[in-house]
Amino acid sequence: MKTSELALPVHATAAQQQVLDRIAVQRERLRARRAARLQSQALAAVAGTEDADATLLTRAIAFARQHPAAVAALAGVAIATGPRRLIRWAGVVLPLVMRLRR
């Protein structure tokens, strides 16, 4: 091809223009989604909240710091229940918790 043929503007047909318009709308939607995600991450960082990708131990520590009375009540129930029954219930509950994490 000659360079003069490359320099000529290419006009899209009506069908092609509709496709190009849909692509532009989709790109704008993706930009808006990305901006919203970045904004929510920035707000979460400022607020000091843990993200959803944090480990279970990190979330448990954060929960314990935010709700000390609930943790104390849970510890009291665990002590009153006894170690044998507590271990038995842990064998039931832990697999359910691990399944929910997936």
N, C-alpha and C. Protein backbone atom coordinates (compact mmCIF):
# COMPACT_ATOMS: atom_id res chain seq x y z
N MET A 1 0.83 -1.18 0.00
CA MET A 1 0.00 0.00 0.00
C MET A 1 0.87 1.24 0.00
N LYS A 2 0.38 2.24 -0.61
CA LYS A 2 1.09 3.51 -0.62
C LYS A 2 0.81 4.27 0.68
N THR A 3 1.68 5.17 1.00
CA THR A 3 1.50 5.94 2.22
C THR A 3 0.29 6.86 2.12
N SER A 4 -0.06 7.28 0.91
CA SER A 4 -1.23 8.14 0.76
C SER A 4 -2.51 7.37 1.06
N GLU A 5 -2.53 6.07 0.82
CA GLU A 5 -3.72 5.28 1.12
C GLU A 5 -3.87 5.09 2.63
N LEU A 6 -2.77 5.03 3.35
CA LEU A 6 -2.84 4.87 4.79
C LEU A 6 -3.29 6.16 5.47
N ALA A 7 -3.03 7.28 4.89
CA ALA A 7 -3.35 8.56 5.49
C ALA A 7 -4.81 8.93 5.31
N LEU A 8 -5.52 8.28 4.41
CA LEU A 8 -6.92 8.61 4.19
C LEU A 8 -7.76 8.17 5.39
N PRO A 9 -8.69 9.00 5.81
CA PRO A 9 -9.54 8.62 6.92
C PRO A 9 -10.50 7.51 6.50
N VAL A 10 -10.70 6.58 7.39
CA VAL A 10 -11.58 5.46 7.12
C VAL A 10 -12.91 5.75 7.82
N HIS A 11 -14.00 5.73 7.05
CA HIS A 11 -15.31 5.97 7.62
C HIS A 11 -15.97 4.64 7.90
N ALA A 12 -16.50 4.51 9.10
CA ALA A 12 -17.13 3.27 9.50
C ALA A 12 -18.58 3.25 9.01
N THR A 13 -19.04 2.06 8.70
CA THR A 13 -20.44 1.91 8.33
C THR A 13 -21.29 2.06 9.59
N ALA A 14 -22.60 2.09 9.42
CA ALA A 14 -23.49 2.26 10.57
C ALA A 14 -23.34 1.10 11.55
N ALA A 15 -23.25 -0.12 11.04
CA ALA A 15 -23.08 -1.28 11.92
C ALA A 15 -21.75 -1.23 12.65
N GLN A 16 -20.71 -0.84 11.94
CA GLN A 16 -19.39 -0.74 12.58
C GLN A 16 -19.38 0.37 13.62
N GLN A 17 -20.08 1.46 13.34
CA GLN A 17 -20.13 2.56 14.30
C GLN A 17 -20.87 2.14 15.56
N GLN A 18 -21.92 1.32 15.42
CA GLN A 18 -22.62 0.82 16.60
C GLN A 18 -21.70 -0.04 17.46
N VAL A 19 -20.91 -0.87 16.82
CA VAL A 19 -19.96 -1.70 17.55
C VAL A 19 -18.92 -0.83 18.26
N LEU A 20 -18.43 0.16 17.56
CA LEU A 20 -17.45 1.07 18.17
C LEU A 20 -18.05 1.83 19.33
N ASP A 21 -19.31 2.22 19.23
CA ASP A 21 -19.98 2.92 20.32
C ASP A 21 -20.15 2.00 21.54
N ARG A 22 -20.52 0.73 21.28
CA ARG A 22 -20.65 -0.22 22.39
C ARG A 22 -19.30 -0.45 23.07
N ILE A 23 -18.24 -0.51 22.28
CA ILE A 23 -16.90 -0.68 22.85
C ILE A 23 -16.55 0.52 23.72
N ALA A 24 -16.87 1.71 23.26
CA ALA A 24 -16.57 2.93 24.03
C ALA A 24 -17.35 2.94 25.34
N VAL A 25 -18.62 2.54 25.29
CA VAL A 25 -19.44 2.49 26.51
C VAL A 25 -18.86 1.46 27.48
N GLN A 26 -18.46 0.31 26.95
CA GLN A 26 -17.89 -0.73 27.82
C GLN A 26 -16.58 -0.26 28.45
N ARG A 27 -15.75 0.41 27.69
CA ARG A 27 -14.50 0.93 28.25
C ARG A 27 -14.76 1.94 29.35
N GLU A 28 -15.74 2.80 29.14
CA GLU A 28 -16.08 3.79 30.16
C GLU A 28 -16.61 3.12 31.42
N ARG A 29 -17.43 2.08 31.25
CA ARG A 29 -17.96 1.34 32.39
C ARG A 29 -16.82 0.67 33.17
N LEU A 30 -15.85 0.11 32.44
CA LEU A 30 -14.71 -0.52 33.10
C LEU A 30 -13.86 0.51 33.84
N ARG A 31 -13.68 1.69 33.24
CA ARG A 31 -12.93 2.76 33.92
C ARG A 31 -13.64 3.18 35.20
N ALA A 32 -14.96 3.32 35.12
CA ALA A 32 -15.74 3.72 36.30
C ALA A 32 -15.65 2.64 37.39
N ARG A 33 -15.73 1.38 37.00
CA ARG A 33 -15.64 0.29 37.97
C ARG A 33 -14.27 0.28 38.63
N ARG A 34 -13.23 0.48 37.83
CA ARG A 34 -11.87 0.50 38.37
C ARG A 34 -11.69 1.67 39.34
N ALA A 35 -12.24 2.82 38.97
CA ALA A 35 -12.14 3.99 39.85
C ALA A 35 -12.90 3.76 41.16
N ALA A 36 -14.07 3.14 41.07
CA ALA A 36 -14.84 2.86 42.29
C ALA A 36 -14.11 1.87 43.19
N ARG A 37 -13.48 0.85 42.58
CA ARG A 37 -12.73 -0.12 43.37
C ARG A 37 -11.54 0.53 44.05
N LEU A 38 -10.83 1.38 43.32
CA LEU A 38 -9.68 2.07 43.92
C LEU A 38 -10.13 3.00 45.05
N GLN A 39 -11.27 3.65 44.85
CA GLN A 39 -11.78 4.54 45.89
C GLN A 39 -12.18 3.76 47.13
N SER A 40 -12.84 2.63 46.95
CA SER A 40 -13.25 1.83 48.11
C SER A 40 -12.02 1.26 48.84
N GLN A 41 -10.99 0.89 48.09
CA GLN A 41 -9.77 0.41 48.74
C GLN A 41 -9.10 1.52 49.52
N ALA A 42 -9.11 2.74 48.98
CA ALA A 42 -8.52 3.87 49.68
C ALA A 42 -9.31 4.19 50.95
N LEU A 43 -10.64 4.13 50.87
CA LEU A 43 -11.45 4.38 52.05
C LEU A 43 -11.24 3.30 53.11
N ALA A 44 -11.10 2.06 52.67
CA ALA A 44 -10.87 0.98 53.61
C ALA A 44 -9.51 1.13 54.29
N ALA A 45 -8.52 1.60 53.54
CA ALA A 45 -7.19 1.80 54.13
C ALA A 45 -7.23 2.93 55.14
N VAL A 46 -7.98 3.99 54.85
CA VAL A 46 -8.09 5.11 55.78
C VAL A 46 -8.87 4.70 57.02
N ALA A 47 -9.92 3.91 56.83
CA ALA A 47 -10.74 3.49 57.96
C ALA A 47 -10.05 2.43 58.80
N GLY A 48 -9.05 1.78 58.24
CA GLY A 48 -8.31 0.77 59.00
C GLY A 48 -9.01 -0.57 59.03
N THR A 49 -9.97 -0.79 58.16
CA THR A 49 -10.66 -2.07 58.14
C THR A 49 -9.82 -3.07 57.37
N GLU A 50 -10.02 -4.33 57.71
CA GLU A 50 -9.28 -5.39 57.04
C GLU A 50 -9.95 -5.71 55.72
N ASP A 51 -9.17 -6.11 54.76
CA ASP A 51 -9.72 -6.48 53.46
C ASP A 51 -10.18 -7.93 53.48
N ALA A 52 -10.92 -8.31 52.46
CA ALA A 52 -11.49 -9.65 52.38
C ALA A 52 -10.42 -10.71 52.14
N ASP A 53 -9.25 -10.32 51.68
CA ASP A 53 -8.19 -11.28 51.38
C ASP A 53 -7.30 -11.57 52.59
N ALA A 54 -7.63 -10.99 53.74
CA ALA A 54 -6.81 -11.19 54.93
C ALA A 54 -6.97 -12.63 55.41
N THR A 55 -5.96 -13.10 56.12
CA THR A 55 -6.01 -14.47 56.63
C THR A 55 -7.05 -14.57 57.74
N LEU A 56 -7.45 -15.79 58.02
CA LEU A 56 -8.45 -16.02 59.07
C LEU A 56 -7.93 -15.56 60.43
N LEU A 57 -6.67 -15.79 60.69
CA LEU A 57 -6.08 -15.36 61.96
C LEU A 57 -6.10 -13.84 62.09
N THR A 58 -5.77 -13.14 61.01
CA THR A 58 -5.77 -11.68 61.04
C THR A 58 -7.17 -11.15 61.28
N ARG A 59 -8.15 -11.76 60.63
CA ARG A 59 -9.53 -11.32 60.85
C ARG A 59 -10.00 -11.63 62.27
N ALA A 60 -9.58 -12.77 62.81
CA ALA A 60 -9.97 -13.13 64.17
C ALA A 60 -9.37 -12.15 65.18
N ILE A 61 -8.13 -11.75 64.97
CA ILE A 61 -7.50 -10.78 65.86
C ILE A 61 -8.19 -9.43 65.77
N ALA A 62 -8.52 -9.01 64.55
CA ALA A 62 -9.23 -7.75 64.37
C ALA A 62 -10.60 -7.80 65.04
N PHE A 63 -11.30 -8.93 64.91
CA PHE A 63 -12.60 -9.08 65.56
C PHE A 63 -12.45 -9.01 67.08
N ALA A 64 -11.43 -9.66 67.61
CA ALA A 64 -11.21 -9.65 69.05
C ALA A 64 -10.92 -8.25 69.56
N ARG A 65 -10.21 -7.46 68.80
CA ARG A 65 -9.93 -6.08 69.20
C ARG A 65 -11.17 -5.20 69.15
N GLN A 66 -12.03 -5.46 68.18
CA GLN A 66 -13.23 -4.63 68.02
C GLN A 66 -14.35 -5.05 68.97
N HIS A 67 -14.41 -6.33 69.35
CA HIS A 67 -15.51 -6.84 70.16
C HIS A 67 -14.98 -7.65 71.36
N PRO A 68 -14.35 -6.98 72.32
CA PRO A 68 -13.77 -7.74 73.44
C PRO A 68 -14.82 -8.42 74.32
N ALA A 69 -15.99 -7.83 74.45
CA ALA A 69 -17.03 -8.45 75.29
C ALA A 69 -17.51 -9.76 74.67
N ALA A 70 -17.68 -9.78 73.36
CA ALA A 70 -18.12 -11.00 72.69
C ALA A 70 -17.07 -12.09 72.81
N VAL A 71 -15.82 -11.73 72.72
CA VAL A 71 -14.74 -12.71 72.85
C VAL A 71 -14.68 -13.24 74.29
N ALA A 72 -14.89 -12.36 75.25
CA ALA A 72 -14.90 -12.80 76.65
C ALA A 72 -16.06 -13.75 76.91
N ALA A 73 -17.22 -13.43 76.35
CA ALA A 73 -18.38 -14.31 76.51
C ALA A 73 -18.12 -15.67 75.86
N LEU A 74 -17.52 -15.66 74.69
CA LEU A 74 -17.20 -16.90 74.00
C LEU A 74 -16.18 -17.72 74.79
N ALA A 75 -15.21 -17.05 75.37
CA ALA A 75 -14.21 -17.75 76.18
C ALA A 75 -14.87 -18.34 77.43
N GLY A 76 -15.80 -17.63 78.03
CA GLY A 76 -16.51 -18.16 79.18
C GLY A 76 -17.33 -19.38 78.84
N VAL A 77 -18.00 -19.35 77.71
CA VAL A 77 -18.76 -20.51 77.27
C VAL A 77 -17.83 -21.68 77.00
N ALA A 78 -16.67 -21.41 76.39
CA ALA A 78 -15.71 -22.48 76.10
C ALA A 78 -15.19 -23.12 77.38
N ILE A 79 -14.93 -22.31 78.39
CA ILE A 79 -14.43 -22.85 79.66
C ILE A 79 -15.52 -23.67 80.35
N ALA A 80 -16.76 -23.16 80.32
CA ALA A 80 -17.86 -23.88 80.97
C ALA A 80 -18.19 -25.18 80.24
N THR A 81 -17.98 -25.22 78.96
CA THR A 81 -18.29 -26.40 78.17
C THR A 81 -17.35 -27.55 78.47
N GLY A 82 -16.11 -27.23 78.62
CA GLY A 82 -15.13 -28.27 78.91
C GLY A 82 -14.33 -28.63 77.66
N PRO A 83 -13.10 -29.12 77.87
CA PRO A 83 -12.21 -29.35 76.74
C PRO A 83 -12.66 -30.48 75.80
N ARG A 84 -13.23 -31.55 76.36
CA ARG A 84 -13.61 -32.69 75.51
C ARG A 84 -14.73 -32.29 74.54
N ARG A 85 -15.77 -31.64 75.06
CA ARG A 85 -16.88 -31.22 74.21
C ARG A 85 -16.44 -30.12 73.25
N LEU A 86 -15.55 -29.25 73.69
CA LEU A 86 -15.04 -28.18 72.83
C LEU A 86 -14.27 -28.74 71.64
N ILE A 87 -13.44 -29.75 71.88
CA ILE A 87 -12.69 -30.38 70.79
C ILE A 87 -13.65 -31.10 69.84
N ARG A 88 -14.67 -31.73 70.38
CA ARG A 88 -15.65 -32.41 69.53
C ARG A 88 -16.37 -31.41 68.62
N TRP A 89 -16.79 -30.27 69.18
CA TRP A 89 -17.48 -29.26 68.37
C TRP A 89 -16.52 -28.61 67.37
N ALA A 90 -15.27 -28.45 67.74
CA ALA A 90 -14.29 -27.89 66.80
C ALA A 90 -14.13 -28.80 65.59
N GLY A 91 -14.21 -30.11 65.80
CA GLY A 91 -14.15 -31.05 64.69
C GLY A 91 -15.32 -30.92 63.74
N VAL A 92 -16.44 -30.41 64.22
CA VAL A 92 -17.61 -30.20 63.37
C VAL A 92 -17.57 -28.82 62.71
N VAL A 93 -17.21 -27.81 63.47
CA VAL A 93 -17.29 -26.43 63.00
C VAL A 93 -16.13 -26.06 62.07
N LEU A 94 -14.94 -26.49 62.36
CA LEU A 94 -13.78 -26.10 61.55
C LEU A 94 -13.90 -26.50 60.08
N PRO A 95 -14.35 -27.71 59.75
CA PRO A 95 -14.53 -28.01 58.32
C PRO A 95 -15.56 -27.10 57.64
N LEU A 96 -16.59 -26.72 58.37
CA LEU A 96 -17.59 -25.80 57.79
C LEU A 96 -16.99 -24.43 57.54
N VAL A 97 -16.18 -23.95 58.48
CA VAL A 97 -15.53 -22.65 58.30
C VAL A 97 -14.57 -22.69 57.14
N MET A 98 -13.82 -23.76 57.03
CA MET A 98 -12.86 -23.87 55.92
C MET A 98 -13.58 -23.95 54.58
N ARG A 99 -14.73 -24.59 54.54
CA ARG A 99 -15.50 -24.66 53.30
C ARG A 99 -16.05 -23.29 52.92
N LEU A 100 -16.43 -22.49 53.90
CA LEU A 100 -16.94 -21.15 53.63
C LEU A 100 -15.85 -20.21 53.09
N ARG A 101 -14.60 -20.46 53.45
CA ARG A 101 -13.51 -19.61 53.02
C ARG A 101 -13.21 -19.76 51.53
N ARG A 102 -13.59 -20.87 50.92
CA ARG A 102 -13.30 -21.10 49.50
C ARG A 102 -14.11 -20.27 48.63
